PDB file of N, CA and C in Angstrom:
ATOM      1  N   GLN A   1     221.202 222.792  95.446  1.00  0.00           N
ATOM      2  CA  GLN A   1     221.062 222.525  96.868  1.00  0.00           C
ATOM      3  C   GLN A   1     219.724 221.834  97.144  1.00  0.00           C
ATOM      4  N   VAL A   2     219.735 220.841  98.010  1.00  0.00           N
ATOM      5  CA  VAL A   2     218.537 220.089  98.364  1.00  0.00           C
ATOM      6  C   VAL A   2     218.300 220.218  99.864  1.00  0.00           C
ATOM      7  N   GLN A   3     217.112 220.629 100.241  1.00  0.00           N
ATOM      8  CA  GLN A   3     216.746 220.686 101.653  1.00  0.00           C
ATOM      9  C   GLN A   3     215.814 219.523 101.971  1.00  0.00           C
ATOM     10  N   LEU A   4     216.064 218.879 103.110  1.00  0.00           N
ATOM     11  CA  LEU A   4     215.268 217.739 103.555  1.00  0.00           C
ATOM     12  C   LEU A   4     214.729 218.003 104.953  1.00  0.00           C
ATOM     13  N   VAL A   5     213.427 217.738 105.157  1.00  0.00           N
ATOM     14  CA  VAL A   5     212.803 217.956 106.469  1.00  0.00           C
ATOM     15  C   VAL A   5     212.005 216.709 106.836  1.00  0.00           C
ATOM     16  N   GLU A   6     212.404 216.045 107.932  1.00  0.00           N
ATOM     17  CA  GLU A   6     211.708 214.844 108.394  1.00  0.00           C
ATOM     18  C   GLU A   6     210.579 215.201 109.355  1.00  0.00           C
ATOM     19  N   SER A   7     209.596 214.311 109.413  1.00  0.00           N
ATOM     20  CA  SER A   7     208.512 214.432 110.380  1.00  0.00           C
ATOM     21  C   SER A   7     207.912 213.040 110.601  1.00  0.00           C
ATOM     22  N   GLY A   8     207.077 212.936 111.631  1.00  0.00           N
ATOM     23  CA  GLY A   8     206.368 211.689 111.865  1.00  0.00           C
ATOM     24  C   GLY A   8     206.892 210.839 112.998  1.00  0.00           C
ATOM     25  N   GLY A   9     207.983 211.250 113.619  1.00  0.00           N
ATOM     26  CA  GLY A   9     208.497 210.482 114.735  1.00  0.00           C
ATOM     27  C   GLY A   9     207.613 210.620 115.960  1.00  0.00           C
ATOM     28  N   GLY A  10     207.902 209.816 116.966  1.00  0.00           N
ATOM     29  CA  GLY A  10     207.123 209.886 118.200  1.00  0.00           C
ATOM     30  C   GLY A  10     207.348 208.670 119.066  1.00  0.00           C
ATOM     31  N   LEU A  11     206.470 208.508 120.052  1.00  0.00           N
ATOM     32  CA  LEU A  11     206.533 207.396 120.991  1.00  0.00           C
ATOM     33  C   LEU A  11     205.460 206.377 120.625  1.00  0.00           C
ATOM     34  N   VAL A  12     205.856 205.108 120.548  1.00  0.00           N
ATOM     35  CA  VAL A  12     204.916 204.052 120.196  1.00  0.00           C
ATOM     36  C   VAL A  12     205.261 202.800 120.994  1.00  0.00           C
ATOM     37  N   GLN A  13     204.266 201.977 121.257  1.00  0.00           N
ATOM     38  CA  GLN A  13     204.513 200.739 121.985  1.00  0.00           C
ATOM     39  C   GLN A  13     205.076 199.674 121.053  1.00  0.00           C
ATOM     40  N   SER A  14     205.771 198.732 121.637  1.00  0.00           N
ATOM     41  CA  SER A  14     206.311 197.620 120.868  1.00  0.00           C
ATOM     42  C   SER A  14     205.194 196.920 120.094  1.00  0.00           C
ATOM     43  N   GLY A  15     205.460 196.637 118.814  1.00  0.00           N
ATOM     44  CA  GLY A  15     204.454 196.044 117.950  1.00  0.00           C
ATOM     45  C   GLY A  15     203.632 197.060 117.173  1.00  0.00           C
ATOM     46  N   GLY A  16     203.789 198.312 117.510  1.00  0.00           N
ATOM     47  CA  GLY A  16     203.040 199.368 116.846  1.00  0.00           C
ATOM     48  C   GLY A  16     203.680 199.814 115.537  1.00  0.00           C
ATOM     49  N   SER A  17     203.098 200.851 114.935  1.00  0.00           N
ATOM     50  CA  SER A  17     203.547 201.353 113.639  1.00  0.00           C
ATOM     51  C   SER A  17     203.700 202.870 113.662  1.00  0.00           C
ATOM     52  N   LEU A  18     204.590 203.347 112.806  1.00  0.00           N
ATOM     53  CA  LEU A  18     204.759 204.768 112.555  1.00  0.00           C
ATOM     54  C   LEU A  18     205.105 204.963 111.096  1.00  0.00           C
ATOM     55  N   ARG A  19     204.768 206.112 110.547  1.00  0.00           N
ATOM     56  CA  ARG A  19     205.198 206.460 109.203  1.00  0.00           C
ATOM     57  C   ARG A  19     205.969 207.769 109.253  1.00  0.00           C
ATOM     58  N   LEU A  20     207.207 207.703 108.833  1.00  0.00           N
ATOM     59  CA  LEU A  20     208.041 208.892 108.746  1.00  0.00           C
ATOM     60  C   LEU A  20     207.930 209.496 107.351  1.00  0.00           C
ATOM     61  N   SER A  21     208.015 210.812 107.297  1.00  0.00           N
ATOM     62  CA  SER A  21     207.990 211.516 106.027  1.00  0.00           C
ATOM     63  C   SER A  21     209.227 212.386 105.900  1.00  0.00           C
ATOM     64  N   CYS A  22     209.685 212.546 104.667  1.00  0.00           N
ATOM     65  CA  CYS A  22     210.836 213.397 104.383  1.00  0.00           C
ATOM     66  C   CYS A  22     210.450 214.284 103.204  1.00  0.00           C
ATOM     67  N   ALA A  23     210.229 215.548 103.479  1.00  0.00           N
ATOM     68  CA  ALA A  23     209.859 216.492 102.433  1.00  0.00           C
ATOM     69  C   ALA A  23     211.130 217.098 101.848  1.00  0.00           C
ATOM     70  N   ALA A  24     211.263 216.964 100.542  1.00  0.00           N
ATOM     71  CA  ALA A  24     212.459 217.447  99.865  1.00  0.00           C
ATOM     72  C   ALA A  24     212.139 218.639  98.977  1.00  0.00           C
ATOM     73  N   SER A  25     213.125 219.476  98.781  1.00  0.00           N
ATOM     74  CA  SER A  25     212.940 220.578  97.850  1.00  0.00           C
ATOM     75  C   SER A  25     212.709 220.008  96.460  1.00  0.00           C
ATOM     76  N   ARG A  26     211.940 220.659  95.656  1.00  0.00           N
ATOM     77  CA  ARG A  26     211.425 220.112  94.415  1.00  0.00           C
ATOM     78  C   ARG A  26     212.518 219.611  93.477  1.00  0.00           C
ATOM     79  N   ARG A  27     213.662 220.255  93.510  1.00  0.00           N
ATOM     80  CA  ARG A  27     214.707 219.898  92.567  1.00  0.00           C
ATOM     81  C   ARG A  27     215.114 218.436  92.690  1.00  0.00           C
ATOM     82  N   ALA A  28     215.024 217.895  93.899  1.00  0.00           N
ATOM     83  CA  ALA A  28     215.450 216.514  94.113  1.00  0.00           C
ATOM     84  C   ALA A  28     214.598 215.533  93.320  1.00  0.00           C
ATOM     85  N   PHE A  29     213.375 215.942  92.979  1.00  0.00           N
ATOM     86  CA  PHE A  29     212.497 214.980  92.338  1.00  0.00           C
ATOM     87  C   PHE A  29     212.192 215.328  90.899  1.00  0.00           C
ATOM     88  N   THR A  30     212.648 216.429  90.423  1.00  0.00           N
ATOM     89  CA  THR A  30     212.365 216.767  89.036  1.00  0.00           C
ATOM     90  C   THR A  30     213.586 216.584  88.151  1.00  0.00           C
ATOM     91  N   SER A  31     214.726 216.370  88.740  1.00  0.00           N
ATOM     92  CA  SER A  31     215.947 216.198  87.953  1.00  0.00           C
ATOM     93  C   SER A  31     216.138 214.724  87.617  1.00  0.00           C
ATOM     94  N   TYR A  32     215.535 214.278  86.548  1.00  0.00           N
ATOM     95  CA  TYR A  32     215.645 212.873  86.192  1.00  0.00           C
ATOM     96  C   TYR A  32     217.001 212.535  85.616  1.00  0.00           C
ATOM     97  N   ASN A  33     217.748 213.529  85.229  1.00  0.00           N
ATOM     98  CA  ASN A  33     219.117 213.303  84.785  1.00  0.00           C
ATOM     99  C   ASN A  33     219.997 214.394  85.349  1.00  0.00           C
ATOM    100  N   PRO A  34     220.751 214.192  86.394  1.00  0.00           N
ATOM    101  CA  PRO A  34     220.963 212.904  87.062  1.00  0.00           C
ATOM    102  C   PRO A  34     219.818 212.550  88.011  1.00  0.00           C
ATOM    103  N   SER A  35     219.806 211.292  88.431  1.00  0.00           N
ATOM    104  CA  SER A  35     218.747 210.842  89.322  1.00  0.00           C
ATOM    105  C   SER A  35     219.237 210.903  90.772  1.00  0.00           C
ATOM    106  N   TYR A  36     218.315 211.016  91.667  1.00  0.00           N
ATOM    107  CA  TYR A  36     218.630 211.078  93.087  1.00  0.00           C
ATOM    108  C   TYR A  36     218.195 209.792  93.770  1.00  0.00           C
ATOM    109  N   THR A  37     219.055 209.297  94.642  1.00  0.00           N
ATOM    110  CA  THR A  37     218.688 208.208  95.533  1.00  0.00           C
ATOM    111  C   THR A  37     218.411 208.788  96.908  1.00  0.00           C
ATOM    112  N   MET A  38     217.311 208.369  97.520  1.00  0.00           N
ATOM    113  CA  MET A  38     216.936 208.835  98.847  1.00  0.00           C
ATOM    114  C   MET A  38     217.028 207.674  99.828  1.00  0.00           C
ATOM    115  N   ALA A  39     217.392 207.994 101.059  1.00  0.00           N
ATOM    116  CA  ALA A  39     217.616 206.937 102.042  1.00  0.00           C
ATOM    117  C   ALA A  39     217.187 207.373 103.429  1.00  0.00           C
ATOM    118  N   TRP A  40     217.014 206.398 104.284  1.00  0.00           N
ATOM    119  CA  TRP A  40     216.811 206.610 105.711  1.00  0.00           C
ATOM    120  C   TRP A  40     217.961 205.934 106.464  1.00  0.00           C
ATOM    121  N   PHE A  41     218.464 206.670 107.456  1.00  0.00           N
ATOM    122  CA  PHE A  41     219.455 206.152 108.389  1.00  0.00           C
ATOM    123  C   PHE A  41     218.915 206.363 109.796  1.00  0.00           C
ATOM    124  N   ARG A  42     219.540 205.716 110.772  1.00  0.00           N
ATOM    125  CA  ARG A  42     219.171 205.948 112.161  1.00  0.00           C
ATOM    126  C   ARG A  42     220.414 205.916 113.038  1.00  0.00           C
ATOM    127  N   GLN A  43     220.284 206.575 114.188  1.00  0.00           N
ATOM    128  CA  GLN A  43     221.433 206.673 115.078  1.00  0.00           C
ATOM    129  C   GLN A  43     220.968 206.749 116.529  1.00  0.00           C
ATOM    130  N   VAL A  44     221.664 205.995 117.387  1.00  0.00           N
ATOM    131  CA  VAL A  44     221.441 206.081 118.827  1.00  0.00           C
ATOM    132  C   VAL A  44     222.696 206.672 119.447  1.00  0.00           C
ATOM    133  N   PRO A  45     222.565 207.312 120.599  1.00  0.00           N
ATOM    134  CA  PRO A  45     223.732 207.931 121.236  1.00  0.00           C
ATOM    135  C   PRO A  45     224.856 206.933 121.460  1.00  0.00           C
ATOM    136  N   GLY A  46     226.055 207.336 121.101  1.00  0.00           N
ATOM    137  CA  GLY A  46     227.219 206.495 121.309  1.00  0.00           C
ATOM    138  C   GLY A  46     227.482 205.480 120.222  1.00  0.00           C
ATOM    139  N   LYS A  47     226.599 205.436 119.228  1.00  0.00           N
ATOM    140  CA  LYS A  47     226.788 204.477 118.136  1.00  0.00           C
ATOM    141  C   LYS A  47     226.871 205.207 116.803  1.00  0.00           C
ATOM    142  N   GLU A  48     227.414 204.519 115.808  1.00  0.00           N
ATOM    143  CA  GLU A  48     227.502 205.117 114.491  1.00  0.00           C
ATOM    144  C   GLU A  48     226.128 205.143 113.828  1.00  0.00           C
ATOM    145  N   ARG A  49     225.984 206.074 112.917  1.00  0.00           N
ATOM    146  CA  ARG A  49     224.755 206.150 112.137  1.00  0.00           C
ATOM    147  C   ARG A  49     224.674 204.919 111.230  1.00  0.00           C
ATOM    148  N   GLU A  50     223.513 204.270 111.222  1.00  0.00           N
ATOM    149  CA  GLU A  50     223.394 203.041 110.448  1.00  0.00           C
ATOM    150  C   GLU A  50     222.322 203.153 109.368  1.00  0.00           C
ATOM    151  N   PHE A  51     222.580 202.446 108.289  1.00  0.00           N
ATOM    152  CA  PHE A  51     221.680 202.429 107.144  1.00  0.00           C
ATOM    153  C   PHE A  51     220.399 201.675 107.488  1.00  0.00           C
ATOM    154  N   VAL A  52     219.279 202.207 107.007  1.00  0.00           N
ATOM    155  CA  VAL A  52     217.986 201.547 107.190  1.00  0.00           C
ATOM    156  C   VAL A  52     217.429 201.080 105.847  1.00  0.00           C
ATOM    157  N   ALA A  53     217.314 202.004 104.886  1.00  0.00           N
ATOM    158  CA  ALA A  53     216.746 201.660 103.582  1.00  0.00           C
ATOM    159  C   ALA A  53     217.046 202.779 102.601  1.00  0.00           C
ATOM    160  N   ASN A  54     217.037 202.435 101.300  1.00  0.00           N
ATOM    161  CA  ASN A  54     217.118 203.470 100.284  1.00  0.00           C
ATOM    162  C   ASN A  54     216.231 203.129  99.098  1.00  0.00           C
ATOM    163  N   ILE A  55     215.959 204.130  98.286  1.00  0.00           N
ATOM    164  CA  ILE A  55     215.130 203.961  97.102  1.00  0.00           C
ATOM    165  C   ILE A  55     215.700 204.829  95.986  1.00  0.00           C
ATOM    166  N   ARG A  56     215.898 204.208  94.831  1.00  0.00           N
ATOM    167  CA  ARG A  56     216.452 204.937  93.697  1.00  0.00           C
ATOM    168  C   ARG A  56     215.318 205.579  92.919  1.00  0.00           C
ATOM    169  N   GLN A  57     215.636 206.733  92.293  1.00  0.00           N
ATOM    170  CA  GLN A  57     214.603 207.437  91.555  1.00  0.00           C
ATOM    171  C   GLN A  57     214.202 206.668  90.316  1.00  0.00           C
ATOM    172  N   SER A  58     215.208 206.175  89.587  1.00  0.00           N
ATOM    173  CA  SER A  58     214.908 205.458  88.352  1.00  0.00           C
ATOM    174  C   SER A  58     214.495 204.032  88.678  1.00  0.00           C
ATOM    175  N   GLY A  59     213.228 203.730  88.494  1.00  0.00           N
ATOM    176  CA  GLY A  59     212.729 202.387  88.712  1.00  0.00           C
ATOM    177  C   GLY A  59     212.247 202.130  90.113  1.00  0.00           C
ATOM    178  N   GLY A  60     212.640 202.974  91.042  1.00  0.00           N
ATOM    179  CA  GLY A  60     212.174 202.794  92.408  1.00  0.00           C
ATOM    180  C   GLY A  60     212.759 201.588  93.107  1.00  0.00           C
ATOM    181  N   THR A  61     213.916 201.112  92.670  1.00  0.00           N
ATOM    182  CA  THR A  61     214.566 199.964  93.309  1.00  0.00           C
ATOM    183  C   THR A  61     214.874 200.282  94.763  1.00  0.00           C
ATOM    184  N   THR A  62     214.610 199.330  95.658  1.00  0.00           N
ATOM    185  CA  THR A  62     214.819 199.544  97.085  1.00  0.00           C
ATOM    186  C   THR A  62     215.837 198.563  97.656  1.00  0.00           C
ATOM    187  N   THR A  63     216.478 198.984  98.731  1.00  0.00           N
ATOM    188  CA  THR A  63     217.413 198.152  99.477  1.00  0.00           C
ATOM    189  C   THR A  63     217.125 198.354 100.958  1.00  0.00           C
ATOM    190  N   TYR A  64     217.163 197.275 101.722  1.00  0.00           N
ATOM    191  CA  TYR A  64     216.877 197.354 103.158  1.00  0.00           C
ATOM    192  C   TYR A  64     218.004 196.706 103.966  1.00  0.00           C
ATOM    193  N   ALA A  65     218.216 197.252 105.155  1.00  0.00           N
ATOM    194  CA  ALA A  65     219.115 196.610 106.102  1.00  0.00           C
ATOM    195  C   ALA A  65     218.426 195.370 106.665  1.00  0.00           C
ATOM    196  N   ASP A  66     219.201 194.363 106.984  1.00  0.00           N
ATOM    197  CA  ASP A  66     218.623 193.096 107.447  1.00  0.00           C
ATOM    198  C   ASP A  66     217.700 193.250 108.659  1.00  0.00           C
ATOM    199  N   PRO A  67     218.031 194.090 109.657  1.00  0.00           N
ATOM    200  CA  PRO A  67     217.162 194.172 110.846  1.00  0.00           C
ATOM    201  C   PRO A  67     215.752 194.690 110.573  1.00  0.00           C
ATOM    202  N   VAL A  68     215.543 195.353 109.434  1.00  0.00           N
ATOM    203  CA  VAL A  68     214.230 195.942 109.174  1.00  0.00           C
ATOM    204  C   VAL A  68     213.489 195.265 108.028  1.00  0.00           C
ATOM    205  N   LYS A  69     214.133 194.315 107.366  1.00  0.00           N
ATOM    206  CA  LYS A  69     213.485 193.640 106.241  1.00  0.00           C
ATOM    207  C   LYS A  69     212.196 192.969 106.690  1.00  0.00           C
ATOM    208  N   GLY A  70     211.150 193.172 105.904  1.00  0.00           N
ATOM    209  CA  GLY A  70     209.868 192.573 106.216  1.00  0.00           C
ATOM    210  C   GLY A  70     209.022 193.400 107.168  1.00  0.00           C
ATOM    211  N   ARG A  71     209.608 194.430 107.781  1.00  0.00           N
ATOM    212  CA  ARG A  71     208.873 195.277 108.715  1.00  0.00           C
ATOM    213  C   ARG A  71     208.758 196.724 108.225  1.00  0.00           C
ATOM    214  N   PHE A  72     209.803 197.223 107.568  1.00  0.00           N
ATOM    215  CA  PHE A  72     209.819 198.598 107.088  1.00  0.00           C
ATOM    216  C   PHE A  72     209.653 198.628 105.575  1.00  0.00           C
ATOM    217  N   THR A  73     209.013 199.697 105.091  1.00  0.00           N
ATOM    218  CA  THR A  73     208.852 199.893 103.658  1.00  0.00           C
ATOM    219  C   THR A  73     209.174 201.339 103.306  1.00  0.00           C
ATOM    220  N   ILE A  74     210.108 201.524 102.377  1.00  0.00           N
ATOM    221  CA  ILE A  74     210.431 202.867 101.899  1.00  0.00           C
ATOM    222  C   ILE A  74     209.704 203.097 100.583  1.00  0.00           C
ATOM    223  N   SER A  75     209.198 204.307 100.400  1.00  0.00           N
ATOM    224  CA  SER A  75     208.492 204.640  99.167  1.00  0.00           C
ATOM    225  C   SER A  75     208.682 206.121  98.893  1.00  0.00           C
ATOM    226  N   ARG A  76     208.333 206.534  97.692  1.00  0.00           N
ATOM    227  CA  ARG A  76     208.469 207.945  97.333  1.00  0.00           C
ATOM    228  C   ARG A  76     207.289 208.371  96.498  1.00  0.00           C
ATOM    229  N   ASP A  77     206.880 209.617  96.679  1.00  0.00           N
ATOM    230  CA  ASP A  77     205.829 210.238  95.888  1.00  0.00           C
ATOM    231  C   ASP A  77     206.461 211.447  95.219  1.00  0.00           C
ATOM    232  N   ASN A  78     206.863 211.274  93.968  1.00  0.00           N
ATOM    233  CA  ASN A  78     207.573 212.347  93.283  1.00  0.00           C
ATOM    234  C   ASN A  78     206.695 213.586  93.118  1.00  0.00           C
ATOM    235  N   ALA A  79     205.406 213.398  92.956  1.00  0.00           N
ATOM    236  CA  ALA A  79     204.506 214.542  92.791  1.00  0.00           C
ATOM    237  C   ALA A  79     204.482 215.413  94.041  1.00  0.00           C
ATOM    238  N   LYS A  80     204.675 214.778  95.200  1.00  0.00           N
ATOM    239  CA  LYS A  80     204.673 215.515  96.465  1.00  0.00           C
ATOM    240  C   LYS A  80     206.083 215.789  96.971  1.00  0.00           C
ATOM    241  N   SER A  81     207.090 215.354  96.215  1.00  0.00           N
ATOM    242  CA  SER A  81     208.489 215.550  96.622  1.00  0.00           C
ATOM    243  C   SER A  81     208.740 215.002  98.016  1.00  0.00           C
ATOM    244  N   THR A  82     208.221 213.831  98.285  1.00  0.00           N
ATOM    245  CA  THR A  82     208.273 213.261  99.629  1.00  0.00           C
ATOM    246  C   THR A  82     208.688 211.794  99.584  1.00  0.00           C
ATOM    247  N   VAL A  83     209.519 211.423 100.547  1.00  0.00           N
ATOM    248  CA  VAL A  83     209.902 210.036 100.752  1.00  0.00           C
ATOM    249  C   VAL A  83     209.316 209.582 102.081  1.00  0.00           C
ATOM    250  N   TYR A  84     208.852 208.347 102.112  1.00  0.00           N
ATOM    251  CA  TYR A  84     208.228 207.816 103.317  1.00  0.00           C
ATOM    252  C   TYR A  84     208.976 206.592 103.831  1.00  0.00           C
ATOM    253  N   LEU A  85     208.847 206.371 105.133  1.00  0.00           N
ATOM    254  CA  LEU A  85     209.323 205.128 105.731  1.00  0.00           C
ATOM    255  C   LEU A  85     208.202 204.602 106.610  1.00  0.00           C
ATOM    256  N   GLN A  86     207.509 203.586 106.130  1.00  0.00           N
ATOM    257  CA  GLN A  86     206.469 202.930 106.910  1.00  0.00           C
ATOM    258  C   GLN A  86     207.120 201.878 107.789  1.00  0.00           C
ATOM    259  N   MET A  87     206.937 202.017 109.092  1.00  0.00           N
ATOM    260  CA  MET A  87     207.577 201.114 110.046  1.00  0.00           C
ATOM    261  C   MET A  87     206.493 200.349 110.803  1.00  0.00           C
ATOM    262  N   ASN A  88     206.472 199.045 110.614  1.00  0.00           N
ATOM    263  CA  ASN A  88     205.496 198.177 111.275  1.00  0.00           C
ATOM    264  C   ASN A  88     206.191 197.227 112.232  1.00  0.00           C
ATOM    265  N   ASN A  89     205.410 196.680 113.166  1.00  0.00           N
ATOM    266  CA  ASN A  89     205.947 195.740 114.147  1.00  0.00           C
ATOM    267  C   ASN A  89     207.217 196.297 114.788  1.00  0.00           C
ATOM    268  N   LEU A  90     207.130 197.509 115.268  1.00  0.00           N
ATOM    269  CA  LEU A  90     208.296 198.167 115.846  1.00  0.00           C
ATOM    270  C   LEU A  90     208.755 197.471 117.122  1.00  0.00           C
ATOM    271  N   LYS A  91     210.074 197.506 117.323  1.00  0.00           N
ATOM    272  CA  LYS A  91     210.689 196.891 118.483  1.00  0.00           C
ATOM    273  C   LYS A  91     211.483 197.943 119.258  1.00  0.00           C
ATOM    274  N   PRO A  92     211.733 197.700 120.548  1.00  0.00           N
ATOM    275  CA  PRO A  92     212.543 198.672 121.309  1.00  0.00           C
ATOM    276  C   PRO A  92     213.902 198.962 120.664  1.00  0.00           C
ATOM    277  N   ASP A  93     214.488 197.978 119.997  1.00  0.00           N
ATOM    278  CA  ASP A  93     215.774 198.193 119.329  1.00  0.00           C
ATOM    279  C   ASP A  93     215.680 199.162 118.156  1.00  0.00           C
ATOM    280  N   ASP A  94     214.471 199.491 117.718  1.00  0.00           N
ATOM    281  CA  ASP A  94     214.301 200.465 116.640  1.00  0.00           C
ATOM    282  C   ASP A  94     214.372 201.893 117.153  1.00  0.00           C
ATOM    283  N   THR A  95     214.415 202.070 118.469  1.00  0.00           N
ATOM    284  CA  THR A  95     214.508 203.403 119.051  1.00  0.00           C
ATOM    285  C   THR A  95     215.780 204.103 118.585  1.00  0.00           C
ATOM    286  N   ALA A  96     215.623 205.286 117.995  1.00  0.00           N
ATOM    287  CA  ALA A  96     216.758 206.029 117.442  1.00  0.00           C
ATOM    288  C   ALA A  96     216.259 207.351 116.886  1.00  0.00           C
ATOM    289  N   VAL A  97     217.208 208.202 116.515  1.00  0.00           N
ATOM    290  CA  VAL A  97     216.884 209.364 115.690  1.00  0.00           C
ATOM    291  C   VAL A  97     217.004 208.918 114.238  1.00  0.00           C
ATOM    292  N   TYR A  98     215.962 209.144 113.481  1.00  0.00           N
ATOM    293  CA  TYR A  98     215.925 208.736 112.079  1.00  0.00           C
ATOM    294  C   TYR A  98     216.202 209.931 111.183  1.00  0.00           C
ATOM    295  N   TYR A  99     217.125 209.729 110.233  1.00  0.00           N
ATOM    296  CA  TYR A  99     217.539 210.785 109.326  1.00  0.00           C
ATOM    297  C   TYR A  99     217.215 210.421 107.879  1.00  0.00           C
ATOM    298  N   CYS A 100     216.761 211.409 107.154  1.00  0.00           N
ATOM    299  CA  CYS A 100     216.568 211.294 105.722  1.00  0.00           C
ATOM    300  C   CYS A 100     217.832 211.799 105.036  1.00  0.00           C
ATOM    301  N   ALA A 101     218.219 211.145 103.924  1.00  0.00           N
ATOM    302  CA  ALA A 101     219.434 211.535 103.212  1.00  0.00           C
ATOM    303  C   ALA A 101     219.224 211.401 101.711  1.00  0.00           C
ATOM    304  N   GLY A 102     220.021 212.158 100.946  1.00  0.00           N
ATOM    305  CA  GLY A 102     219.925 212.088  99.498  1.00  0.00           C
ATOM    306  C   GLY A 102     221.287 212.170  98.834  1.00  0.00           C
ATOM    307  N   ARG A 103     221.405 211.583  97.668  1.00  0.00           N
ATOM    308  CA  ARG A 103     222.649 211.633  96.908  1.00  0.00           C
ATOM    309  C   ARG A 103     222.332 211.623  95.418  1.00  0.00           C
ATOM    310  N   LEU A 104     223.313 212.072  94.640  1.00  0.00           N
ATOM    311  CA  LEU A 104     223.201 212.063  93.188  1.00  0.00           C
ATOM    312  C   LEU A 104     223.722 210.761  92.620  1.00  0.00           C
ATOM    313  N   VAL A 105     223.032 210.184  91.731  1.00  0.00           N
ATOM    314  CA  VAL A 105     223.493 209.066  90.901  1.00  0.00           C
ATOM    315  C   VAL A 105     223.946 207.865  91.707  1.00  0.00           C
ATOM    316  N   GLY A 106     223.410 206.720  91.354  1.00  0.00           N
ATOM    317  CA  GLY A 106     223.820 205.481  91.994  1.00  0.00           C
ATOM    318  C   GLY A 106     223.229 205.354  93.378  1.00  0.00           C
ATOM    319  N   GLU A 107     223.785 204.451  94.174  1.00  0.00           N
ATOM    320  CA  GLU A 107     223.256 204.245  95.510  1.00  0.00           C
ATOM    321  C   GLU A 107     224.398 203.984  96.480  1.00  0.00           C
ATOM    322  N   ALA A 108     224.100 204.035  97.763  1.00  0.00           N
ATOM    323  CA  ALA A 108     225.080 203.764  98.801  1.00  0.00           C
ATOM    324  C   ALA A 108     224.349 203.332 100.057  1.00  0.00           C
ATOM    325  N   THR A 109     225.060 202.617 100.915  1.00  0.00           N
ATOM    326  CA  THR A 109     224.474 202.192 102.184  1.00  0.00           C
ATOM    327  C   THR A 109     225.298 202.670 103.371  1.00  0.00           C
ATOM    328  N   THR A 110     226.188 203.620 103.129  1.00  0.00           N
ATOM    329  CA  THR A 110     226.972 204.209 104.217  1.00  0.00           C
ATOM    330  C   THR A 110     226.701 205.707 104.284  1.00  0.00           C
ATOM    331  N   PRO A 111     226.783 206.295 105.476  1.00  0.00           N
ATOM    332  CA  PRO A 111     226.504 207.727 105.601  1.00  0.00           C
ATOM    333  C   PRO A 111     227.386 208.590 104.704  1.00  0.00           C
ATOM    334  N   GLY A 112     228.630 208.184 104.527  1.00  0.00           N
ATOM    335  CA  GLY A 112     229.547 208.966 103.707  1.00  0.00           C
ATOM    336  C   GLY A 112     229.152 209.036 102.249  1.00  0.00           C
ATOM    337  N   GLY A 113     228.247 208.161 101.834  1.00  0.00           N
ATOM    338  CA  GLY A 113     227.811 208.150 100.450  1.00  0.00           C
ATOM    339  C   GLY A 113     226.707 209.142 100.141  1.00  0.00           C
ATOM    340  N   TYR A 114     226.254 209.879 101.146  1.00  0.00           N
ATOM    341  CA  TYR A 114     225.137 210.809 100.966  1.00  0.00           C
ATOM    342  C   TYR A 114     225.567 212.240 101.219  1.00  0.00           C
ATOM    343  N   THR A 115     225.035 213.133 100.393  1.00  0.00           N
ATOM    344  CA  THR A 115     225.420 214.538 100.434  1.00  0.00           C
ATOM    345  C   THR A 115     224.466 215.383 101.259  1.00  0.00           C
ATOM    346  N   TYR A 116     223.197 215.075 101.149  1.00  0.00           N
ATOM    347  CA  TYR A 116     222.165 215.911 101.762  1.00  0.00           C
ATOM    348  C   TYR A 116     221.523 215.184 102.937  1.00  0.00           C
ATOM    349  N   TRP A 117     221.287 215.937 104.023  1.00  0.00           N
ATOM    350  CA  TRP A 117     220.742 215.356 105.244  1.00  0.00           C
ATOM    351  C   TRP A 117     219.675 216.238 105.852  1.00  0.00           C
ATOM    352  N   GLY A 118     218.687 215.597 106.462  1.00  0.00           N
ATOM    353  CA  GLY A 118     217.712 216.314 107.253  1.00  0.00           C
ATOM    354  C   GLY A 118     218.193 216.446 108.682  1.00  0.00           C
ATOM    355  N   GLN A 119     217.356 217.041 109.519  1.00  0.00           N
ATOM    356  CA  GLN A 119     217.746 217.313 110.906  1.00  0.00           C
ATOM    357  C   GLN A 119     217.449 216.141 111.831  1.00  0.00           C
ATOM    358  N   GLY A 120     216.677 215.186 111.371  1.00  0.00           N
ATOM    359  CA  GLY A 120     216.363 213.994 112.146  1.00  0.00           C
ATOM    360  C   GLY A 120     215.051 214.102 112.897  1.00  0.00           C
ATOM    361  N   THR A 121     214.453 212.942 113.160  1.00  0.00           N
ATOM    362  CA  THR A 121     213.224 212.870 113.947  1.00  0.00           C
ATOM    363  C   THR A 121     213.338 211.672 114.897  1.00  0.00           C
ATOM    364  N   GLN A 122     212.932 211.897 116.152  1.00  0.00           N
ATOM    365  CA  GLN A 122     213.105 210.873 117.181  1.00  0.00           C
ATOM    366  C   GLN A 122     211.991 209.838 117.115  1.00  0.00           C
ATOM    367  N   VAL A 123     212.373 208.576 117.143  1.00  0.00           N
ATOM    368  CA  VAL A 123     211.431 207.462 117.256  1.00  0.00           C
ATOM    369  C   VAL A 123     211.776 206.698 118.532  1.00  0.00           C
ATOM    370  N   THR A 124     210.780 206.548 119.409  1.00  0.00           N
ATOM    371  CA  THR A 124     210.980 205.825 120.662  1.00  0.00           C
ATOM    372  C   THR A 124     209.953 204.714 120.749  1.00  0.00           C
ATOM    373  N   VAL A 125     210.428 203.485 120.947  1.00  0.00           N
ATOM    374  CA  VAL A 125     209.551 202.320 121.035  1.00  0.00           C
ATOM    375  C   VAL A 125     209.654 201.769 122.448  1.00  0.00           C
ATOM    376  N   SER A 126     208.538 201.769 123.154  1.00  0.00           N
ATOM    377  CA  SER A 126     208.532 201.280 124.532  1.00  0.00           C
ATOM    378  C   SER A 126     208.176 199.793 124.555  1.00  0.00           C
ATOM    379  N   SER A 127     208.723 199.090 125.543  1.00  0.00           N
ATOM    380  CA  SER A 127     208.479 197.652 125.639  1.00  0.00           C
ATOM    381  C   SER A 127     207.240 197.354 126.453  1.00  0.00           C
TER     382      SER A 127
END
């Protein structure tokens, strides 16, 4: 079982930055076989949860959704069992609840591809 807890959300003006953190139970980062992929998703009321970025444990390969490319950076610190999402040049359209997610082996860009979820953290970007 993997527990995920997000933090770092808040209110920021357009053009500002925030860094989200996702603290995972240690097992997610010490099990190199199988490996875990960690991801961030976001959701606004009335819309489906959408993929933001993911990072694979082996090699640290990353994938980003087109709307956030060049502005967001996902990273992981295995020693701290934490995944980060650095968000720069934020826009009002980035306003959403951001969720951390994890899965075993391989990668996915849809919510159904992930087994473990955090409770979410609200990000609000004012214009």
